[in-house]
């Protein structure tokens, strides 16, 4: 289970830390802005690896999602959080991220400042079975066919449309 007592930075829309918030409070509908990192992992064939969120997650259970996504811990940089999350979720430690941008994502439960990255990687992937319900590579055509059908998280669909849909 997720630790609702872990502390996350509370930030403004420029990413400046303005305080701290527990995960539980950040996901309670308080809409306290907190930073997260996302990595879209592509192989050299242009397919993208998506993770399957487990049923026990408090946000978007049982949905296909960004290759890696996670909170920035209090006192951690964006780069440190990205390396940690990719290592924890996919078992990958040697990759070169490309920063794509950031945006504010609002839902009924939370408000996130999302830092988006991508990488091309053809090495081994070892999804963490405690945190994920597996994962697999998807073609861009498969993703396009399933957008809007409730299969993917809203975050993923938004990012896919913004950053990758025009590249098909």
C-alpha atoms as a PDB file:
ATOM      1  CA  UNK A   1       0.000   0.000   0.000  1.00  0.00           C
ATOM      2  CA  UNK A   2       1.017   3.609  -0.531  1.00  0.00           C
ATOM      3  CA  UNK A   3       2.341   5.442   2.526  1.00  0.00           C
ATOM      4  CA  UNK A   4      -0.136   8.259   3.194  1.00  0.00           C
ATOM      5  CA  UNK A   5       2.181   9.713   5.848  1.00  0.00           C
ATOM      6  CA  UNK A   6       5.188  10.320   3.563  1.00  0.00           C
ATOM      7  CA  UNK A   7       6.022  14.000   3.071  1.00  0.00           C
ATOM      8  CA  UNK A   8       6.021  15.632  -0.344  1.00  0.00           C
ATOM      9  CA  UNK A   9       6.978  19.181  -1.231  1.00  0.00           C
ATOM     10  CA  UNK A  10       4.120  21.624  -1.766  1.00  0.00           C
ATOM     11  CA  UNK A  11       5.047  23.863  -4.699  1.00  0.00           C
ATOM     12  CA  UNK A  12       3.812  26.834  -6.699  1.00  0.00           C
ATOM     13  CA  UNK A  13       3.264  26.552 -10.468  1.00  0.00           C
ATOM     14  CA  UNK A  14       6.898  27.563 -11.106  1.00  0.00           C
ATOM     15  CA  UNK A  15       8.068  24.594  -9.011  1.00  0.00           C
ATOM     16  CA  UNK A  16       9.254  26.648  -6.040  1.00  0.00           C
ATOM     17  CA  UNK A  17       8.856  24.801  -2.737  1.00  0.00           C
ATOM     18  CA  UNK A  18       6.412  26.642  -0.487  1.00  0.00           C
ATOM     19  CA  UNK A  19       5.869  23.992   2.185  1.00  0.00           C
ATOM     20  CA  UNK A  20       5.280  20.306   2.781  1.00  0.00           C
ATOM     21  CA  UNK A  21       2.242  18.049   2.579  1.00  0.00           C
ATOM     22  CA  UNK A  22       1.603  14.395   3.371  1.00  0.00           C
ATOM     23  CA  UNK A  23       0.678  12.093   0.524  1.00  0.00           C
ATOM     24  CA  UNK A  24      -2.674  11.472   2.207  1.00  0.00           C
ATOM     25  CA  UNK A  25      -3.469  15.179   2.350  1.00  0.00           C
ATOM     26  CA  UNK A  26      -2.232  15.731  -1.233  1.00  0.00           C
ATOM     27  CA  UNK A  27      -4.644  13.009  -2.454  1.00  0.00           C
ATOM     28  CA  UNK A  28      -7.589  14.058  -0.277  1.00  0.00           C
ATOM     29  CA  UNK A  29      -9.057  16.615  -2.663  1.00  0.00           C
ATOM     30  CA  UNK A  30      -7.092  19.456  -1.041  1.00  0.00           C
ATOM     31  CA  UNK A  31      -5.599  20.383  -4.440  1.00  0.00           C
ATOM     32  CA  UNK A  32      -2.268  21.250  -2.855  1.00  0.00           C
ATOM     33  CA  UNK A  33       0.131  21.343  -5.804  1.00  0.00           C
ATOM     34  CA  UNK A  34       2.936  18.762  -5.505  1.00  0.00           C
ATOM     35  CA  UNK A  35       5.575  17.664  -8.036  1.00  0.00           C
ATOM     36  CA  UNK A  36       5.736  14.333  -9.836  1.00  0.00           C
ATOM     37  CA  UNK A  37       8.006  12.886 -12.506  1.00  0.00           C
ATOM     38  CA  UNK A  38       6.986  10.897 -15.586  1.00  0.00           C
ATOM     39  CA  UNK A  39       9.206   8.970 -17.991  1.00  0.00           C
ATOM     40  CA  UNK A  40       7.995   7.691 -21.359  1.00  0.00           C
ATOM     41  CA  UNK A  41      10.275   4.795 -22.282  1.00  0.00           C
ATOM     42  CA  UNK A  42      10.512   3.995 -25.991  1.00  0.00           C
ATOM     43  CA  UNK A  43      12.420   1.171 -27.644  1.00  0.00           C
ATOM     44  CA  UNK A  44      14.303   1.697 -30.901  1.00  0.00           C
ATOM     45  CA  UNK A  45      11.248   0.388 -32.840  1.00  0.00           C
ATOM     46  CA  UNK A  46       9.211   3.380 -31.619  1.00  0.00           C
ATOM     47  CA  UNK A  47       7.052   1.350 -29.242  1.00  0.00           C
ATOM     48  CA  UNK A  48       6.333   2.744 -25.794  1.00  0.00           C
ATOM     49  CA  UNK A  49       6.423   0.758 -22.563  1.00  0.00           C
ATOM     50  CA  UNK A  50       3.334   1.235 -20.377  1.00  0.00           C
ATOM     51  CA  UNK A  51       2.904   0.039 -16.813  1.00  0.00           C
ATOM     52  CA  UNK A  52      -0.305  -1.490 -15.484  1.00  0.00           C
ATOM     53  CA  UNK A  53      -1.387   0.108 -12.220  1.00  0.00           C
ATOM     54  CA  UNK A  54      -2.453  -2.421  -9.584  1.00  0.00           C
ATOM     55  CA  UNK A  55      -5.981  -2.576  -8.179  1.00  0.00           C
ATOM     56  CA  UNK A  56      -4.839  -1.364  -4.727  1.00  0.00           C
ATOM     57  CA  UNK A  57      -3.627   2.069  -5.954  1.00  0.00           C
ATOM     58  CA  UNK A  58      -5.609   5.027  -4.598  1.00  0.00           C
ATOM     59  CA  UNK A  59      -5.344   6.916  -7.899  1.00  0.00           C
ATOM     60  CA  UNK A  60      -6.411   5.300 -11.228  1.00  0.00           C
ATOM     61  CA  UNK A  61      -6.329   1.597 -10.218  1.00  0.00           C
ATOM     62  CA  UNK A  62      -6.222  -1.043 -12.995  1.00  0.00           C
ATOM     63  CA  UNK A  63      -5.321   1.459 -15.731  1.00  0.00           C
ATOM     64  CA  UNK A  64      -2.403   1.488 -18.151  1.00  0.00           C
ATOM     65  CA  UNK A  65      -0.100   4.405 -17.437  1.00  0.00           C
ATOM     66  CA  UNK A  66       3.120   6.202 -18.233  1.00  0.00           C
ATOM     67  CA  UNK A  67       6.213   3.953 -18.222  1.00  0.00           C
ATOM     68  CA  UNK A  68       7.252   5.400 -14.863  1.00  0.00           C
ATOM     69  CA  UNK A  69       5.583   7.950 -12.662  1.00  0.00           C
ATOM     70  CA  UNK A  70       6.015   8.971  -9.087  1.00  0.00           C
ATOM     71  CA  UNK A  71       6.170  11.684  -6.494  1.00  0.00           C
ATOM     72  CA  UNK A  72       9.179  13.841  -5.812  1.00  0.00           C
ATOM     73  CA  UNK A  73      10.108  13.318  -2.159  1.00  0.00           C
ATOM     74  CA  UNK A  74      10.705  16.242   0.162  1.00  0.00           C
ATOM     75  CA  UNK A  75      14.360  17.304  -0.253  1.00  0.00           C
ATOM     76  CA  UNK A  76      14.798  15.503  -3.583  1.00  0.00           C
ATOM     77  CA  UNK A  77      15.525  17.121  -6.982  1.00  0.00           C
ATOM     78  CA  UNK A  78      13.516  16.322 -10.119  1.00  0.00           C
ATOM     79  CA  UNK A  79      16.493  14.400 -11.545  1.00  0.00           C
ATOM     80  CA  UNK A  80      16.995  12.403  -8.355  1.00  0.00           C
ATOM     81  CA  UNK A  81      13.299  11.522  -8.206  1.00  0.00           C
ATOM     82  CA  UNK A  82      13.276  10.419 -11.851  1.00  0.00           C
ATOM     83  CA  UNK A  83      16.325   8.144 -11.413  1.00  0.00           C
ATOM     84  CA  UNK A  84      14.876   6.697  -8.175  1.00  0.00           C
ATOM     85  CA  UNK A  85      11.411   6.032  -9.620  1.00  0.00           C
ATOM     86  CA  UNK A  86      12.736   4.418 -12.825  1.00  0.00           C
ATOM     87  CA  UNK A  87      15.030   2.215 -10.753  1.00  0.00           C
ATOM     88  CA  UNK A  88      12.261   1.247  -8.334  1.00  0.00           C
ATOM     89  CA  UNK A  89       9.528   0.620 -10.900  1.00  0.00           C
ATOM     90  CA  UNK A  90      11.425  -0.778 -13.904  1.00  0.00           C
ATOM     91  CA  UNK A  91      14.798  -1.853 -12.523  1.00  0.00           C
ATOM     92  CA  UNK A  92      16.619   0.466 -14.939  1.00  0.00           C
ATOM     93  CA  UNK A  93      19.577   2.513 -13.723  1.00  0.00           C
ATOM     94  CA  UNK A  94      21.373   3.408 -16.967  1.00  0.00           C
ATOM     95  CA  UNK A  95      19.265   5.692 -19.174  1.00  0.00           C
ATOM     96  CA  UNK A  96      19.494   9.212 -20.553  1.00  0.00           C
ATOM     97  CA  UNK A  97      16.300  11.216 -20.011  1.00  0.00           C
ATOM     98  CA  UNK A  98      15.218  14.007 -22.324  1.00  0.00           C
ATOM     99  CA  UNK A  99      13.121  16.694 -20.643  1.00  0.00           C
ATOM    100  CA  UNK A 100       9.918  17.471 -22.583  1.00  0.00           C
ATOM    101  CA  UNK A 101       8.314  20.058 -20.314  1.00  0.00           C
ATOM    102  CA  UNK A 102       5.982  20.345 -17.370  1.00  0.00           C
ATOM    103  CA  UNK A 103       2.322  21.131 -16.758  1.00  0.00           C
ATOM    104  CA  UNK A 104      -0.280  21.225 -13.996  1.00  0.00           C
ATOM    105  CA  UNK A 105      -2.663  18.251 -13.884  1.00  0.00           C
ATOM    106  CA  UNK A 106      -5.891  18.585 -11.894  1.00  0.00           C
ATOM    107  CA  UNK A 107      -8.246  15.797 -10.901  1.00  0.00           C
ATOM    108  CA  UNK A 108     -10.966  15.488  -8.286  1.00  0.00           C
ATOM    109  CA  UNK A 109      -8.417  14.013  -5.835  1.00  0.00           C
ATOM    110  CA  UNK A 110      -5.201  15.921  -6.480  1.00  0.00           C
ATOM    111  CA  UNK A 111      -3.257  18.637  -8.257  1.00  0.00           C
ATOM    112  CA  UNK A 112       0.181  17.749  -9.628  1.00  0.00           C
ATOM    113  CA  UNK A 113       3.040  19.642 -11.247  1.00  0.00           C
ATOM    114  CA  UNK A 114       4.126  16.973 -13.740  1.00  0.00           C
ATOM    115  CA  UNK A 115       7.689  16.954 -15.105  1.00  0.00           C
ATOM    116  CA  UNK A 116       7.665  14.932 -18.344  1.00  0.00           C
ATOM    117  CA  UNK A 117      10.674  13.077 -19.775  1.00  0.00           C
ATOM    118  CA  UNK A 118      11.327  10.468 -22.433  1.00  0.00           C
ATOM    119  CA  UNK A 119      14.147   8.079 -23.262  1.00  0.00           C
ATOM    120  CA  UNK A 120      14.996   5.420 -25.824  1.00  0.00           C
ATOM    121  CA  UNK A 121      16.051   2.169 -24.197  1.00  0.00           C
ATOM    122  CA  UNK A 122      16.486  -1.374 -25.500  1.00  0.00           C
ATOM    123  CA  UNK A 123      17.891  -3.083 -22.405  1.00  0.00           C
ATOM    124  CA  UNK A 124      16.227  -5.361 -19.885  1.00  0.00           C
ATOM    125  CA  UNK A 125      13.174  -4.181 -17.963  1.00  0.00           C
ATOM    126  CA  UNK A 126      12.240  -5.733 -14.624  1.00  0.00           C
ATOM    127  CA  UNK A 127       8.885  -4.294 -13.516  1.00  0.00           C
ATOM    128  CA  UNK A 128       8.479  -4.177  -9.736  1.00  0.00           C
ATOM    129  CA  UNK A 129       5.669  -6.615  -9.028  1.00  0.00           C
ATOM    130  CA  UNK A 130       5.005  -4.989  -5.631  1.00  0.00           C
ATOM    131  CA  UNK A 131       4.305  -1.592  -7.210  1.00  0.00           C
ATOM    132  CA  UNK A 132       3.059  -2.546 -10.686  1.00  0.00           C
ATOM    133  CA  UNK A 133       0.727  -5.116 -12.160  1.00  0.00           C
ATOM    134  CA  UNK A 134       3.158  -5.706 -15.027  1.00  0.00           C
ATOM    135  CA  UNK A 135       3.818  -3.803 -18.198  1.00  0.00           C
ATOM    136  CA  UNK A 136       4.461  -4.171 -21.899  1.00  0.00           C
ATOM    137  CA  UNK A 137       5.429  -2.303 -25.048  1.00  0.00           C
ATOM    138  CA  UNK A 138       2.587  -0.809 -27.091  1.00  0.00           C
ATOM    139  CA  UNK A 139       2.712   0.385 -30.690  1.00  0.00           C
ATOM    140  CA  UNK A 140       1.597   3.926 -31.362  1.00  0.00           C
ATOM    141  CA  UNK A 141      -1.270   2.475 -33.413  1.00  0.00           C
ATOM    142  CA  UNK A 142      -2.492   0.362 -30.456  1.00  0.00           C
ATOM    143  CA  UNK A 143      -2.470   3.415 -28.230  1.00  0.00           C
ATOM    144  CA  UNK A 144      -4.302   5.568 -30.781  1.00  0.00           C
ATOM    145  CA  UNK A 145      -6.980   2.850 -31.162  1.00  0.00           C
ATOM    146  CA  UNK A 146      -7.594   2.760 -27.394  1.00  0.00           C
ATOM    147  CA  UNK A 147      -7.525   6.449 -26.459  1.00  0.00           C
ATOM    148  CA  UNK A 148     -10.793   7.468 -24.796  1.00  0.00           C
ATOM    149  CA  UNK A 149     -11.900   3.908 -23.998  1.00  0.00           C
ATOM    150  CA  UNK A 150     -11.079   3.992 -20.267  1.00  0.00           C
ATOM    151  CA  UNK A 151      -8.015   1.784 -20.644  1.00  0.00           C
ATOM    152  CA  UNK A 152      -5.393   4.459 -19.949  1.00  0.00           C
ATOM    153  CA  UNK A 153      -5.028   7.009 -17.155  1.00  0.00           C
ATOM    154  CA  UNK A 154      -6.133  10.554 -18.005  1.00  0.00           C
ATOM    155  CA  UNK A 155      -2.545  11.728 -17.330  1.00  0.00           C
ATOM    156  CA  UNK A 156      -1.162   9.318 -19.911  1.00  0.00           C
ATOM    157  CA  UNK A 157      -3.788  10.175 -22.529  1.00  0.00           C
ATOM    158  CA  UNK A 158      -3.137  13.884 -22.045  1.00  0.00           C
ATOM    159  CA  UNK A 159       0.632  13.500 -22.338  1.00  0.00           C
ATOM    160  CA  UNK A 160       0.415  11.120 -25.283  1.00  0.00           C
ATOM    161  CA  UNK A 161      -1.811  13.568 -27.159  1.00  0.00           C
ATOM    162  CA  UNK A 162       0.382  16.559 -26.312  1.00  0.00           C
ATOM    163  CA  UNK A 163       3.817  15.060 -26.909  1.00  0.00           C
ATOM    164  CA  UNK A 164       3.535  12.020 -29.186  1.00  0.00           C
ATOM    165  CA  UNK A 165       0.261  11.716 -31.167  1.00  0.00           C
ATOM    166  CA  UNK A 166       1.507  13.991 -33.947  1.00  0.00           C
ATOM    167  CA  UNK A 167       4.566  11.750 -34.450  1.00  0.00           C
ATOM    168  CA  UNK A 168       2.676   8.732 -35.788  1.00  0.00           C
END
